[in-house]
Amino acid sequence: MKDYKCIIFDCDGVLVDSEVLGNQVFVDMANEHGAGIDISYAMKHFKGGFLNDSIRQVEAIIEKQLPQDFESEYRQRSYEMFATHLKPVDGVEQVLNKLRVPFCVASSGPQEKIKRNLQTAGLSSFFKNNIFSCYDIEKWKPDPAIYLHASKTMGFTPNECLVIEDSLKGARAAISGGFDVYGYTLLNEDPDFEREVTKSFEPMIELISMLKL
């Protein structure tokens, strides 16, 4: 097995179990405006992407614009949900405790969301300032920019890094940037995901043996 010098984690669905929670809030709000979608649709089409892209998709479905405050209301309602229901992904703390190479998080979400969710899940101490957001560079997955930015800032080339992802958009971002990708499949809704990644795994604790920690 290749010895990676740096591990880059996606956040939602990889470190914290926020994907179903956040997408359910989004589904509920979209359906208040007539979208008629369910959580399975959201997990397949919105997971791992830029919120504004998801908003545009809903607007195409309902054939009208959503209210200007839709995003801010979504953030508020999702933060309220996360505050009471968010947990770390099962097994991820054991993985982080065993890692002996540098690691970081690179996420599509804003810095505030990443930091808030890591704090709520009790994972902040693992990452400190090694937190990278697509909002910082204004480029979103499947563009590889966030992973290239994270690896460069951490001091490594893509070939030296491994990305841990749970979404097709994220996997394609990393692969197009020259990274190997291990795909966490617990909540995967897309049949293309496992075909795209370098290796797939479930449960999270399996990473310990895969990385020979």
N, C-alpha and C. Protein backbone atom coordinates (compact mmCIF):
# COMPACT_ATOMS: atom_id res chain seq x y z
N MET A 1 0.84 -1.19 0.00
CA MET A 1 0.00 0.00 0.00
C MET A 1 0.87 1.24 0.00
N LYS A 2 0.41 2.26 -0.69
CA LYS A 2 1.13 3.52 -0.77
C LYS A 2 1.17 4.20 0.60
N ASP A 3 2.31 4.77 0.97
CA ASP A 3 2.43 5.51 2.22
C ASP A 3 2.13 6.99 1.95
N TYR A 4 0.97 7.43 2.40
CA TYR A 4 0.57 8.82 2.18
C TYR A 4 1.18 9.70 3.26
N LYS A 5 1.56 10.93 2.86
CA LYS A 5 2.19 11.86 3.79
C LYS A 5 1.20 12.84 4.41
N CYS A 6 0.00 12.90 3.85
CA CYS A 6 -1.02 13.83 4.36
C CYS A 6 -2.40 13.26 4.02
N ILE A 7 -3.32 13.36 4.97
CA ILE A 7 -4.70 12.91 4.75
C ILE A 7 -5.61 14.13 4.77
N ILE A 8 -6.44 14.26 3.73
CA ILE A 8 -7.38 15.38 3.62
C ILE A 8 -8.80 14.82 3.75
N PHE A 9 -9.51 15.24 4.78
CA PHE A 9 -10.87 14.77 5.02
C PHE A 9 -11.90 15.78 4.52
N ASP A 10 -12.91 15.29 3.81
CA ASP A 10 -14.12 16.08 3.64
C ASP A 10 -14.76 16.18 5.03
N CYS A 11 -15.70 17.09 5.21
CA CYS A 11 -16.30 17.26 6.54
C CYS A 11 -17.66 16.58 6.65
N ASP A 12 -18.65 17.09 5.92
CA ASP A 12 -20.01 16.58 6.06
C ASP A 12 -20.12 15.14 5.57
N GLY A 13 -20.55 14.26 6.47
CA GLY A 13 -20.71 12.85 6.10
C GLY A 13 -19.46 12.02 6.28
N VAL A 14 -18.31 12.68 6.47
CA VAL A 14 -17.05 11.97 6.69
C VAL A 14 -16.57 12.15 8.13
N LEU A 15 -16.57 13.38 8.60
CA LEU A 15 -16.21 13.66 9.99
C LEU A 15 -17.43 13.79 10.89
N VAL A 16 -18.45 14.47 10.39
CA VAL A 16 -19.68 14.68 11.16
C VAL A 16 -20.88 14.16 10.37
N ASP A 17 -21.87 13.64 11.09
CA ASP A 17 -23.01 13.02 10.41
C ASP A 17 -24.08 14.05 10.04
N SER A 18 -23.67 15.06 9.30
CA SER A 18 -24.53 16.20 8.98
C SER A 18 -25.27 16.07 7.66
N GLU A 19 -24.91 15.11 6.81
CA GLU A 19 -25.49 15.08 5.46
C GLU A 19 -27.00 14.86 5.49
N VAL A 20 -27.46 13.86 6.21
CA VAL A 20 -28.90 13.60 6.25
C VAL A 20 -29.62 14.74 6.96
N LEU A 21 -29.05 15.22 8.06
CA LEU A 21 -29.67 16.31 8.81
C LEU A 21 -29.82 17.57 7.95
N GLY A 22 -28.71 17.99 7.33
CA GLY A 22 -28.73 19.20 6.53
C GLY A 22 -29.60 19.08 5.29
N ASN A 23 -29.52 17.93 4.64
CA ASN A 23 -30.34 17.74 3.44
C ASN A 23 -31.82 17.63 3.77
N GLN A 24 -32.17 17.08 4.94
CA GLN A 24 -33.58 17.02 5.32
C GLN A 24 -34.14 18.41 5.56
N VAL A 25 -33.34 19.28 6.20
CA VAL A 25 -33.78 20.68 6.38
C VAL A 25 -33.99 21.33 5.01
N PHE A 26 -33.05 21.10 4.09
CA PHE A 26 -33.16 21.68 2.76
C PHE A 26 -34.39 21.14 2.02
N VAL A 27 -34.63 19.84 2.11
CA VAL A 27 -35.81 19.23 1.48
C VAL A 27 -37.09 19.84 2.04
N ASP A 28 -37.16 19.95 3.35
CA ASP A 28 -38.37 20.51 3.98
C ASP A 28 -38.62 21.94 3.50
N MET A 29 -37.56 22.73 3.43
CA MET A 29 -37.72 24.12 2.98
C MET A 29 -38.07 24.19 1.49
N ALA A 30 -37.43 23.34 0.68
CA ALA A 30 -37.74 23.31 -0.76
C ALA A 30 -39.19 22.90 -0.99
N ASN A 31 -39.66 21.94 -0.21
CA ASN A 31 -41.03 21.46 -0.38
C ASN A 31 -42.05 22.48 0.10
N GLU A 32 -41.67 23.37 1.01
CA GLU A 32 -42.55 24.47 1.41
C GLU A 32 -42.84 25.39 0.22
N HIS A 33 -41.95 25.32 -0.78
CA HIS A 33 -42.12 26.15 -1.99
C HIS A 33 -42.55 25.32 -3.19
N GLY A 34 -42.98 24.05 -2.93
CA GLY A 34 -43.58 23.26 -3.99
C GLY A 34 -42.65 22.33 -4.77
N ALA A 35 -41.45 22.04 -4.23
CA ALA A 35 -40.49 21.23 -4.98
C ALA A 35 -40.91 19.77 -5.09
N GLY A 36 -41.53 19.22 -4.05
CA GLY A 36 -41.97 17.83 -4.10
C GLY A 36 -40.84 16.81 -4.19
N ILE A 37 -39.74 17.05 -3.48
CA ILE A 37 -38.59 16.14 -3.50
C ILE A 37 -38.48 15.44 -2.15
N ASP A 38 -37.67 14.36 -2.10
CA ASP A 38 -37.47 13.65 -0.85
C ASP A 38 -35.99 13.58 -0.51
N ILE A 39 -35.66 12.97 0.62
CA ILE A 39 -34.28 12.93 1.09
C ILE A 39 -33.39 12.12 0.14
N SER A 40 -33.93 11.08 -0.46
CA SER A 40 -33.14 10.29 -1.40
C SER A 40 -32.71 11.13 -2.61
N TYR A 41 -33.65 11.93 -3.12
CA TYR A 41 -33.33 12.84 -4.23
C TYR A 41 -32.23 13.81 -3.83
N ALA A 42 -32.37 14.37 -2.64
CA ALA A 42 -31.39 15.36 -2.17
C ALA A 42 -30.01 14.73 -2.00
N MET A 43 -29.95 13.53 -1.44
CA MET A 43 -28.66 12.89 -1.21
C MET A 43 -27.97 12.55 -2.52
N LYS A 44 -28.75 12.29 -3.54
CA LYS A 44 -28.16 11.97 -4.85
C LYS A 44 -27.73 13.22 -5.60
N HIS A 45 -28.53 14.28 -5.53
CA HIS A 45 -28.30 15.44 -6.38
C HIS A 45 -27.59 16.61 -5.69
N PHE A 46 -27.72 16.72 -4.38
CA PHE A 46 -27.18 17.88 -3.68
C PHE A 46 -25.95 17.56 -2.83
N LYS A 47 -25.79 16.32 -2.43
CA LYS A 47 -24.73 15.92 -1.50
C LYS A 47 -23.35 16.32 -2.00
N GLY A 48 -22.59 17.01 -1.13
CA GLY A 48 -21.21 17.34 -1.45
C GLY A 48 -21.02 18.57 -2.32
N GLY A 49 -22.11 19.22 -2.68
CA GLY A 49 -22.01 20.34 -3.62
C GLY A 49 -22.16 21.71 -2.98
N PHE A 50 -22.22 22.71 -3.84
CA PHE A 50 -22.35 24.12 -3.47
C PHE A 50 -23.83 24.41 -3.22
N LEU A 51 -24.15 25.01 -2.09
CA LEU A 51 -25.54 25.26 -1.74
C LEU A 51 -26.26 26.05 -2.82
N ASN A 52 -25.60 27.04 -3.40
CA ASN A 52 -26.27 27.85 -4.43
C ASN A 52 -26.63 27.02 -5.66
N ASP A 53 -25.83 25.98 -5.98
CA ASP A 53 -26.18 25.09 -7.08
C ASP A 53 -27.45 24.31 -6.75
N SER A 54 -27.57 23.86 -5.49
CA SER A 54 -28.78 23.15 -5.06
C SER A 54 -29.99 24.06 -5.13
N ILE A 55 -29.81 25.31 -4.73
CA ILE A 55 -30.91 26.29 -4.80
C ILE A 55 -31.35 26.49 -6.25
N ARG A 56 -30.39 26.60 -7.17
CA ARG A 56 -30.73 26.77 -8.59
C ARG A 56 -31.50 25.54 -9.11
N GLN A 57 -31.11 24.35 -8.66
CA GLN A 57 -31.82 23.14 -9.10
C GLN A 57 -33.26 23.15 -8.62
N VAL A 58 -33.48 23.57 -7.40
CA VAL A 58 -34.85 23.65 -6.88
C VAL A 58 -35.65 24.69 -7.65
N GLU A 59 -35.03 25.81 -7.95
CA GLU A 59 -35.73 26.85 -8.71
C GLU A 59 -36.13 26.35 -10.10
N ALA A 60 -35.30 25.49 -10.69
CA ALA A 60 -35.64 24.91 -11.99
C ALA A 60 -36.85 23.98 -11.85
N ILE A 61 -36.92 23.26 -10.73
CA ILE A 61 -38.05 22.34 -10.49
C ILE A 61 -39.35 23.12 -10.30
N ILE A 62 -39.29 24.17 -9.48
CA ILE A 62 -40.53 24.91 -9.17
C ILE A 62 -40.81 26.03 -10.17
N GLU A 63 -39.86 26.26 -11.08
CA GLU A 63 -39.99 27.25 -12.15
C GLU A 63 -40.25 28.66 -11.63
N LYS A 64 -39.59 28.96 -10.54
CA LYS A 64 -39.60 30.34 -10.01
C LYS A 64 -38.44 30.49 -9.04
N GLN A 65 -38.13 31.74 -8.70
CA GLN A 65 -37.04 31.99 -7.78
C GLN A 65 -37.47 31.75 -6.33
N LEU A 66 -36.56 31.22 -5.55
CA LEU A 66 -36.79 31.10 -4.11
C LEU A 66 -36.58 32.47 -3.46
N PRO A 67 -37.11 32.68 -2.27
CA PRO A 67 -36.94 33.98 -1.60
C PRO A 67 -35.47 34.33 -1.37
N GLN A 68 -35.18 35.60 -1.34
CA GLN A 68 -33.82 36.08 -1.16
C GLN A 68 -33.18 35.57 0.13
N ASP A 69 -34.02 35.38 1.15
CA ASP A 69 -33.48 34.96 2.44
C ASP A 69 -33.47 33.44 2.62
N PHE A 70 -33.67 32.70 1.52
CA PHE A 70 -33.72 31.24 1.61
C PHE A 70 -32.43 30.68 2.21
N GLU A 71 -31.27 31.14 1.72
CA GLU A 71 -30.00 30.61 2.22
C GLU A 71 -29.80 30.94 3.69
N SER A 72 -30.04 32.17 4.08
CA SER A 72 -29.82 32.54 5.48
C SER A 72 -30.77 31.78 6.41
N GLU A 73 -32.01 31.57 5.96
CA GLU A 73 -32.96 30.79 6.76
C GLU A 73 -32.51 29.33 6.84
N TYR A 74 -32.02 28.81 5.71
CA TYR A 74 -31.52 27.44 5.72
C TYR A 74 -30.36 27.29 6.70
N ARG A 75 -29.43 28.22 6.68
CA ARG A 75 -28.29 28.15 7.61
C ARG A 75 -28.79 28.15 9.05
N GLN A 76 -29.73 29.04 9.36
CA GLN A 76 -30.23 29.13 10.72
C GLN A 76 -30.94 27.85 11.14
N ARG A 77 -31.81 27.33 10.28
CA ARG A 77 -32.55 26.13 10.63
C ARG A 77 -31.64 24.91 10.71
N SER A 78 -30.64 24.84 9.84
CA SER A 78 -29.72 23.70 9.89
C SER A 78 -28.83 23.78 11.12
N TYR A 79 -28.38 24.99 11.49
CA TYR A 79 -27.57 25.12 12.70
C TYR A 79 -28.36 24.69 13.94
N GLU A 80 -29.64 25.03 13.97
CA GLU A 80 -30.49 24.61 15.09
C GLU A 80 -30.60 23.09 15.14
N MET A 81 -30.73 22.47 13.98
CA MET A 81 -30.78 21.01 13.91
C MET A 81 -29.46 20.39 14.35
N PHE A 82 -28.35 20.94 13.84
CA PHE A 82 -27.03 20.40 14.19
C PHE A 82 -26.76 20.52 15.69
N ALA A 83 -27.18 21.62 16.29
CA ALA A 83 -26.88 21.87 17.70
C ALA A 83 -27.43 20.79 18.61
N THR A 84 -28.55 20.18 18.20
CA THR A 84 -29.19 19.17 19.06
C THR A 84 -29.02 17.74 18.56
N HIS A 85 -28.67 17.55 17.29
CA HIS A 85 -28.64 16.20 16.73
C HIS A 85 -27.29 15.77 16.16
N LEU A 86 -26.37 16.70 15.92
CA LEU A 86 -25.12 16.36 15.23
C LEU A 86 -24.19 15.53 16.10
N LYS A 87 -23.59 14.51 15.50
CA LYS A 87 -22.62 13.66 16.18
C LYS A 87 -21.44 13.41 15.24
N PRO A 88 -20.29 13.02 15.79
CA PRO A 88 -19.20 12.61 14.90
C PRO A 88 -19.58 11.33 14.18
N VAL A 89 -19.06 11.14 12.99
CA VAL A 89 -19.27 9.88 12.29
C VAL A 89 -18.69 8.75 13.14
N ASP A 90 -19.43 7.69 13.27
CA ASP A 90 -19.02 6.57 14.12
C ASP A 90 -17.66 6.02 13.70
N GLY A 91 -16.72 6.03 14.63
CA GLY A 91 -15.39 5.49 14.37
C GLY A 91 -14.34 6.51 13.98
N VAL A 92 -14.77 7.73 13.63
CA VAL A 92 -13.80 8.69 13.10
C VAL A 92 -12.83 9.18 14.18
N GLU A 93 -13.28 9.27 15.41
CA GLU A 93 -12.38 9.69 16.48
C GLU A 93 -11.23 8.71 16.68
N GLN A 94 -11.54 7.42 16.58
CA GLN A 94 -10.49 6.40 16.69
C GLN A 94 -9.48 6.54 15.56
N VAL A 95 -9.97 6.82 14.36
CA VAL A 95 -9.08 7.01 13.21
C VAL A 95 -8.17 8.22 13.44
N LEU A 96 -8.74 9.35 13.83
CA LEU A 96 -7.97 10.57 14.02
C LEU A 96 -6.93 10.41 15.14
N ASN A 97 -7.29 9.68 16.17
CA ASN A 97 -6.36 9.46 17.28
C ASN A 97 -5.14 8.65 16.87
N LYS A 98 -5.30 7.80 15.85
CA LYS A 98 -4.21 6.93 15.43
C LYS A 98 -3.33 7.52 14.33
N LEU A 99 -3.81 8.57 13.68
CA LEU A 99 -3.04 9.15 12.58
C LEU A 99 -1.73 9.76 13.08
N ARG A 100 -0.66 9.47 12.38
CA ARG A 100 0.66 10.00 12.75
C ARG A 100 1.25 10.85 11.62
N VAL A 101 0.45 11.13 10.60
CA VAL A 101 0.86 12.05 9.53
C VAL A 101 -0.04 13.27 9.60
N PRO A 102 0.39 14.40 9.02
CA PRO A 102 -0.47 15.60 9.03
C PRO A 102 -1.81 15.33 8.35
N PHE A 103 -2.84 15.98 8.86
CA PHE A 103 -4.16 15.84 8.23
C PHE A 103 -4.94 17.15 8.40
N CYS A 104 -5.96 17.31 7.56
CA CYS A 104 -6.75 18.54 7.55
C CYS A 104 -8.15 18.24 7.06
N VAL A 105 -9.00 19.26 7.04
CA VAL A 105 -10.34 19.13 6.51
C VAL A 105 -10.52 20.14 5.38
N ALA A 106 -11.16 19.70 4.29
CA ALA A 106 -11.46 20.58 3.14
C ALA A 106 -12.92 20.37 2.77
N SER A 107 -13.72 21.41 2.89
CA SER A 107 -15.17 21.26 2.78
C SER A 107 -15.80 22.31 1.88
N SER A 108 -16.95 21.97 1.32
CA SER A 108 -17.72 22.92 0.52
C SER A 108 -18.42 23.97 1.38
N GLY A 109 -18.55 23.71 2.67
CA GLY A 109 -19.27 24.61 3.54
C GLY A 109 -18.45 25.83 3.95
N PRO A 110 -19.11 26.87 4.45
CA PRO A 110 -18.39 28.05 4.95
C PRO A 110 -17.56 27.71 6.18
N GLN A 111 -16.54 28.53 6.46
CA GLN A 111 -15.70 28.32 7.63
C GLN A 111 -16.54 28.23 8.91
N GLU A 112 -17.52 29.12 9.04
CA GLU A 112 -18.34 29.13 10.26
C GLU A 112 -19.02 27.79 10.47
N LYS A 113 -19.57 27.24 9.38
CA LYS A 113 -20.27 25.95 9.49
C LYS A 113 -19.29 24.84 9.86
N ILE A 114 -18.14 24.78 9.18
CA ILE A 114 -17.17 23.73 9.46
C ILE A 114 -16.74 23.78 10.92
N LYS A 115 -16.35 24.96 11.38
CA LYS A 115 -15.86 25.11 12.76
C LYS A 115 -16.95 24.81 13.77
N ARG A 116 -18.16 25.29 13.50
CA ARG A 116 -19.27 25.06 14.42
C ARG A 116 -19.58 23.57 14.53
N ASN A 117 -19.60 22.88 13.38
CA ASN A 117 -19.93 21.46 13.39
C ASN A 117 -18.84 20.62 14.03
N LEU A 118 -17.58 20.96 13.77
CA LEU A 118 -16.49 20.23 14.41
C LEU A 118 -16.55 20.43 15.93
N GLN A 119 -16.87 21.66 16.36
CA GLN A 119 -16.99 21.94 17.79
C GLN A 119 -18.13 21.13 18.41
N THR A 120 -19.29 21.15 17.75
CA THR A 120 -20.45 20.41 18.26
C THR A 120 -20.16 18.92 18.38
N ALA A 121 -19.42 18.39 17.40
CA ALA A 121 -19.11 16.95 17.38
C ALA A 121 -17.90 16.59 18.23
N GLY A 122 -17.25 17.59 18.83
CA GLY A 122 -16.11 17.32 19.68
C GLY A 122 -14.83 17.00 18.94
N LEU A 123 -14.70 17.50 17.71
CA LEU A 123 -13.54 17.17 16.88
C LEU A 123 -12.60 18.36 16.63
N SER A 124 -12.92 19.52 17.17
CA SER A 124 -12.14 20.73 16.87
C SER A 124 -10.66 20.57 17.20
N SER A 125 -10.36 19.92 18.31
CA SER A 125 -8.97 19.84 18.76
C SER A 125 -8.09 19.06 17.79
N PHE A 126 -8.68 18.22 16.98
CA PHE A 126 -7.90 17.44 16.02
C PHE A 126 -7.40 18.31 14.86
N PHE A 127 -8.14 19.37 14.52
CA PHE A 127 -7.85 20.12 13.30
C PHE A 127 -7.28 21.51 13.52
N LYS A 128 -7.58 22.12 14.66
CA LYS A 128 -7.06 23.46 14.96
C LYS A 128 -7.27 24.40 13.76
N ASN A 129 -6.19 24.87 13.13
CA ASN A 129 -6.33 25.80 12.00
C ASN A 129 -6.25 25.12 10.64
N ASN A 130 -6.16 23.81 10.62
CA ASN A 130 -6.04 23.10 9.35
C ASN A 130 -7.43 22.84 8.76
N ILE A 131 -8.13 23.94 8.49
CA ILE A 131 -9.50 23.90 7.99
C ILE A 131 -9.58 24.74 6.71
N PHE A 132 -10.03 24.13 5.63
CA PHE A 132 -10.07 24.80 4.33
C PHE A 132 -11.49 24.75 3.78
N SER A 133 -11.98 25.92 3.35
CA SER A 133 -13.35 26.05 2.86
C SER A 133 -13.36 26.51 1.41
N CYS A 134 -14.28 25.94 0.64
CA CYS A 134 -14.46 26.40 -0.74
C CYS A 134 -14.82 27.88 -0.79
N TYR A 135 -15.50 28.39 0.25
CA TYR A 135 -15.88 29.79 0.28
C TYR A 135 -14.66 30.70 0.35
N ASP A 136 -13.55 30.19 0.89
CA ASP A 136 -12.32 31.00 0.99
C ASP A 136 -11.71 31.29 -0.38
N ILE A 137 -11.88 30.34 -1.30
CA ILE A 137 -11.28 30.49 -2.64
C ILE A 137 -12.34 30.69 -3.72
N GLU A 138 -13.62 30.60 -3.33
CA GLU A 138 -14.76 30.80 -4.23
C GLU A 138 -14.74 29.85 -5.43
N LYS A 139 -14.37 28.63 -5.16
CA LYS A 139 -14.45 27.55 -6.14
C LYS A 139 -14.95 26.31 -5.42
N TRP A 140 -15.89 25.61 -6.05
CA TRP A 140 -16.57 24.51 -5.37
C TRP A 140 -16.40 23.19 -6.13
N LYS A 141 -16.46 22.11 -5.37
CA LYS A 141 -16.43 20.78 -5.95
C LYS A 141 -17.57 20.65 -6.95
N PRO A 142 -17.35 20.01 -8.11
CA PRO A 142 -16.24 19.12 -8.48
C PRO A 142 -14.98 19.79 -9.02
N ASP A 143 -14.86 21.11 -8.92
CA ASP A 143 -13.58 21.76 -9.22
C ASP A 143 -12.55 21.27 -8.18
N PRO A 144 -11.35 20.89 -8.60
CA PRO A 144 -10.36 20.36 -7.66
C PRO A 144 -9.67 21.41 -6.80
N ALA A 145 -10.02 22.69 -7.00
CA ALA A 145 -9.27 23.79 -6.38
C ALA A 145 -9.13 23.67 -4.86
N ILE A 146 -10.20 23.25 -4.17
CA ILE A 146 -10.13 23.20 -2.70
C ILE A 146 -9.11 22.17 -2.24
N TYR A 147 -9.01 21.05 -2.94
CA TYR A 147 -8.05 20.03 -2.54
C TYR A 147 -6.62 20.44 -2.91
N LEU A 148 -6.48 21.11 -4.03
CA LEU A 148 -5.16 21.62 -4.40
C LEU A 148 -4.70 22.70 -3.41
N HIS A 149 -5.63 23.54 -3.02
CA HIS A 149 -5.33 24.59 -2.04
C HIS A 149 -4.93 23.98 -0.69
N ALA A 150 -5.68 22.97 -0.26
CA ALA A 150 -5.39 22.34 1.03
C ALA A 150 -4.03 21.65 1.02
N SER A 151 -3.77 20.89 -0.03
CA SER A 151 -2.50 20.15 -0.07
C SER A 151 -1.31 21.10 -0.15
N LYS A 152 -1.44 22.15 -0.95
CA LYS A 152 -0.34 23.12 -1.08
C LYS A 152 -0.07 23.82 0.25
N THR A 153 -1.14 24.24 0.93
CA THR A 153 -0.99 24.93 2.20
C THR A 153 -0.37 24.01 3.26
N MET A 154 -0.74 22.74 3.21
CA MET A 154 -0.19 21.77 4.15
C MET A 154 1.26 21.40 3.82
N GLY A 155 1.69 21.72 2.58
CA GLY A 155 3.08 21.49 2.19
C GLY A 155 3.34 20.21 1.43
N PHE A 156 2.30 19.70 0.74
CA PHE A 156 2.44 18.42 0.04
C PHE A 156 1.89 18.51 -1.38
N THR A 157 2.34 17.61 -2.24
CA THR A 157 1.81 17.51 -3.59
C THR A 157 0.60 16.59 -3.58
N PRO A 158 -0.27 16.69 -4.59
CA PRO A 158 -1.42 15.78 -4.65
C PRO A 158 -1.02 14.31 -4.58
N ASN A 159 0.07 13.96 -5.20
CA ASN A 159 0.51 12.57 -5.20
C ASN A 159 0.88 12.06 -3.81
N GLU A 160 1.18 12.99 -2.90
CA GLU A 160 1.56 12.60 -1.53
C GLU A 160 0.36 12.53 -0.59
N CYS A 161 -0.80 12.95 -1.08
CA CYS A 161 -1.99 13.07 -0.23
C CYS A 161 -3.05 12.02 -0.56
N LEU A 162 -3.85 11.71 0.43
CA LEU A 162 -5.04 10.88 0.25
C LEU A 162 -6.25 11.68 0.69
N VAL A 163 -7.30 11.68 -0.13
CA VAL A 163 -8.55 12.36 0.20
C VAL A 163 -9.58 11.33 0.65
N ILE A 164 -10.29 11.65 1.72
CA ILE A 164 -11.40 10.82 2.20
C ILE A 164 -12.70 11.54 1.89
N GLU A 165 -13.52 10.94 1.04
CA GLU A 165 -14.75 11.58 0.55
C GLU A 165 -15.95 10.65 0.67
N ASP A 166 -17.14 11.24 0.66
CA ASP A 166 -18.37 10.44 0.67
C ASP A 166 -19.33 10.84 -0.43
N SER A 167 -18.93 11.77 -1.31
CA SER A 167 -19.82 12.22 -2.38
C SER A 167 -19.15 12.10 -3.74
N LEU A 168 -19.96 11.91 -4.76
CA LEU A 168 -19.43 11.81 -6.12
C LEU A 168 -18.77 13.12 -6.55
N LYS A 169 -19.40 14.25 -6.23
CA LYS A 169 -18.80 15.55 -6.59
C LYS A 169 -17.43 15.70 -5.95
N GLY A 170 -17.33 15.34 -4.69
CA GLY A 170 -16.06 15.46 -3.99
C GLY A 170 -15.01 14.52 -4.52
N ALA A 171 -15.41 13.29 -4.83
CA ALA A 171 -14.48 12.32 -5.38
C ALA A 171 -13.94 12.78 -6.73
N ARG A 172 -14.82 13.28 -7.56
CA ARG A 172 -14.39 13.76 -8.88
C ARG A 172 -13.48 14.98 -8.76
N ALA A 173 -13.73 15.82 -7.78
CA ALA A 173 -12.86 16.97 -7.54
C ALA A 173 -11.45 16.51 -7.22
N ALA A 174 -11.35 15.57 -6.30
CA ALA A 174 -10.03 15.09 -5.88
C ALA A 174 -9.31 14.34 -7.00
N ILE A 175 -10.02 13.49 -7.69
CA ILE A 175 -9.41 12.69 -8.75
C ILE A 175 -8.90 13.59 -9.87
N SER A 176 -9.69 14.60 -10.24
CA SER A 176 -9.25 15.50 -11.31
C SER A 176 -8.06 16.34 -10.89
N GLY A 177 -7.84 16.46 -9.57
CA GLY A 177 -6.68 17.20 -9.07
C GLY A 177 -5.45 16.33 -8.91
N GLY A 178 -5.56 15.04 -9.20
CA GLY A 178 -4.41 14.15 -9.11
C GLY A 178 -4.27 13.42 -7.78
N PHE A 179 -5.34 13.39 -6.98
CA PHE A 179 -5.31 12.74 -5.68
C PHE A 179 -5.88 11.32 -5.74
N ASP A 180 -5.38 10.44 -4.89
CA ASP A 180 -6.07 9.20 -4.61
C ASP A 180 -7.24 9.51 -3.68
N VAL A 181 -8.33 8.75 -3.81
CA VAL A 181 -9.52 8.99 -3.02
C VAL A 181 -10.04 7.68 -2.44
N TYR A 182 -10.23 7.65 -1.12
CA TYR A 182 -10.92 6.54 -0.48
C TYR A 182 -12.36 6.99 -0.23
N GLY A 183 -13.31 6.23 -0.74
CA GLY A 183 -14.70 6.62 -0.67
C GLY A 183 -15.45 5.92 0.45
N TYR A 184 -16.02 6.72 1.36
CA TYR A 184 -16.82 6.21 2.47
C TYR A 184 -18.25 6.03 1.98
N THR A 185 -18.75 4.81 2.01
CA THR A 185 -19.97 4.47 1.28
C THR A 185 -21.23 4.37 2.13
N LEU A 186 -21.17 4.70 3.42
CA LEU A 186 -22.31 4.44 4.31
C LEU A 186 -23.62 5.03 3.79
N LEU A 187 -23.60 6.28 3.33
CA LEU A 187 -24.82 6.94 2.87
C LEU A 187 -24.80 7.20 1.37
N ASN A 188 -24.03 6.41 0.64
CA ASN A 188 -23.91 6.64 -0.80
C ASN A 188 -25.22 6.36 -1.53
N GLU A 189 -25.63 7.29 -2.37
CA GLU A 189 -26.86 7.14 -3.16
C GLU A 189 -26.57 7.06 -4.66
N ASP A 190 -25.29 7.14 -5.04
CA ASP A 190 -24.94 7.23 -6.45
C ASP A 190 -24.12 6.02 -6.89
N PRO A 191 -24.61 5.22 -7.86
CA PRO A 191 -23.89 4.03 -8.30
C PRO A 191 -22.54 4.33 -8.93
N ASP A 192 -22.33 5.57 -9.39
CA ASP A 192 -21.04 5.92 -10.00
C ASP A 192 -19.94 6.15 -8.96
N PHE A 193 -20.32 6.37 -7.71
CA PHE A 193 -19.35 6.76 -6.68
C PHE A 193 -18.26 5.72 -6.50
N GLU A 194 -18.64 4.48 -6.29
CA GLU A 194 -17.64 3.44 -6.03
C GLU A 194 -16.79 3.14 -7.26
N ARG A 195 -17.29 3.45 -8.44
CA ARG A 195 -16.49 3.24 -9.65
C ARG A 195 -15.44 4.33 -9.83
N GLU A 196 -15.68 5.49 -9.22
CA GLU A 196 -14.78 6.63 -9.39
C GLU A 196 -13.60 6.60 -8.40
N VAL A 197 -13.84 6.12 -7.18
CA VAL A 197 -12.83 6.25 -6.12
C VAL A 197 -11.72 5.21 -6.27
N THR A 198 -10.58 5.49 -5.62
CA THR A 198 -9.45 4.57 -5.64
C THR A 198 -9.80 3.29 -4.91
N LYS A 199 -10.38 3.43 -3.72
CA LYS A 199 -10.89 2.32 -2.93
C LYS A 199 -12.14 2.79 -2.21
N SER A 200 -13.04 1.87 -1.90
CA SER A 200 -14.22 2.21 -1.11
C SER A 200 -14.17 1.44 0.21
N PHE A 201 -14.85 2.00 1.22
CA PHE A 201 -14.83 1.34 2.53
C PHE A 201 -16.05 1.71 3.35
N GLU A 202 -16.36 0.88 4.30
CA GLU A 202 -17.40 1.06 5.30
C GLU A 202 -17.27 -0.13 6.26
N PRO A 203 -17.22 0.10 7.54
CA PRO A 203 -17.42 1.32 8.31
C PRO A 203 -16.17 2.20 8.34
N MET A 204 -16.29 3.39 8.98
CA MET A 204 -15.18 4.33 9.05
C MET A 204 -13.96 3.72 9.73
N ILE A 205 -14.18 2.89 10.75
CA ILE A 205 -13.08 2.29 11.51
C ILE A 205 -12.17 1.44 10.62
N GLU A 206 -12.69 1.03 9.45
CA GLU A 206 -11.89 0.23 8.52
C GLU A 206 -10.68 1.00 8.00
N LEU A 207 -10.74 2.33 8.06
CA LEU A 207 -9.60 3.14 7.63
C LEU A 207 -8.33 2.80 8.41
N ILE A 208 -8.49 2.38 9.65
CA ILE A 208 -7.32 2.07 10.48
C ILE A 208 -6.50 0.95 9.86
N SER A 209 -7.17 -0.09 9.41
CA SER A 209 -6.44 -1.21 8.78
C SER A 209 -6.01 -0.85 7.36
N MET A 210 -6.82 -0.07 6.64
CA MET A 210 -6.46 0.31 5.27
C MET A 210 -5.21 1.17 5.23
N LEU A 211 -5.05 2.01 6.25
CA LEU A 211 -3.89 2.91 6.31
C LEU A 211 -2.77 2.32 7.17
N LYS A 212 -3.00 1.11 7.67
CA LYS A 212 -2.01 0.43 8.52
C LYS A 212 -1.60 1.30 9.70
N LEU A 213 -2.60 1.83 10.39
CA LEU A 213 -2.34 2.71 11.53
C LEU A 213 -2.09 1.89 12.80
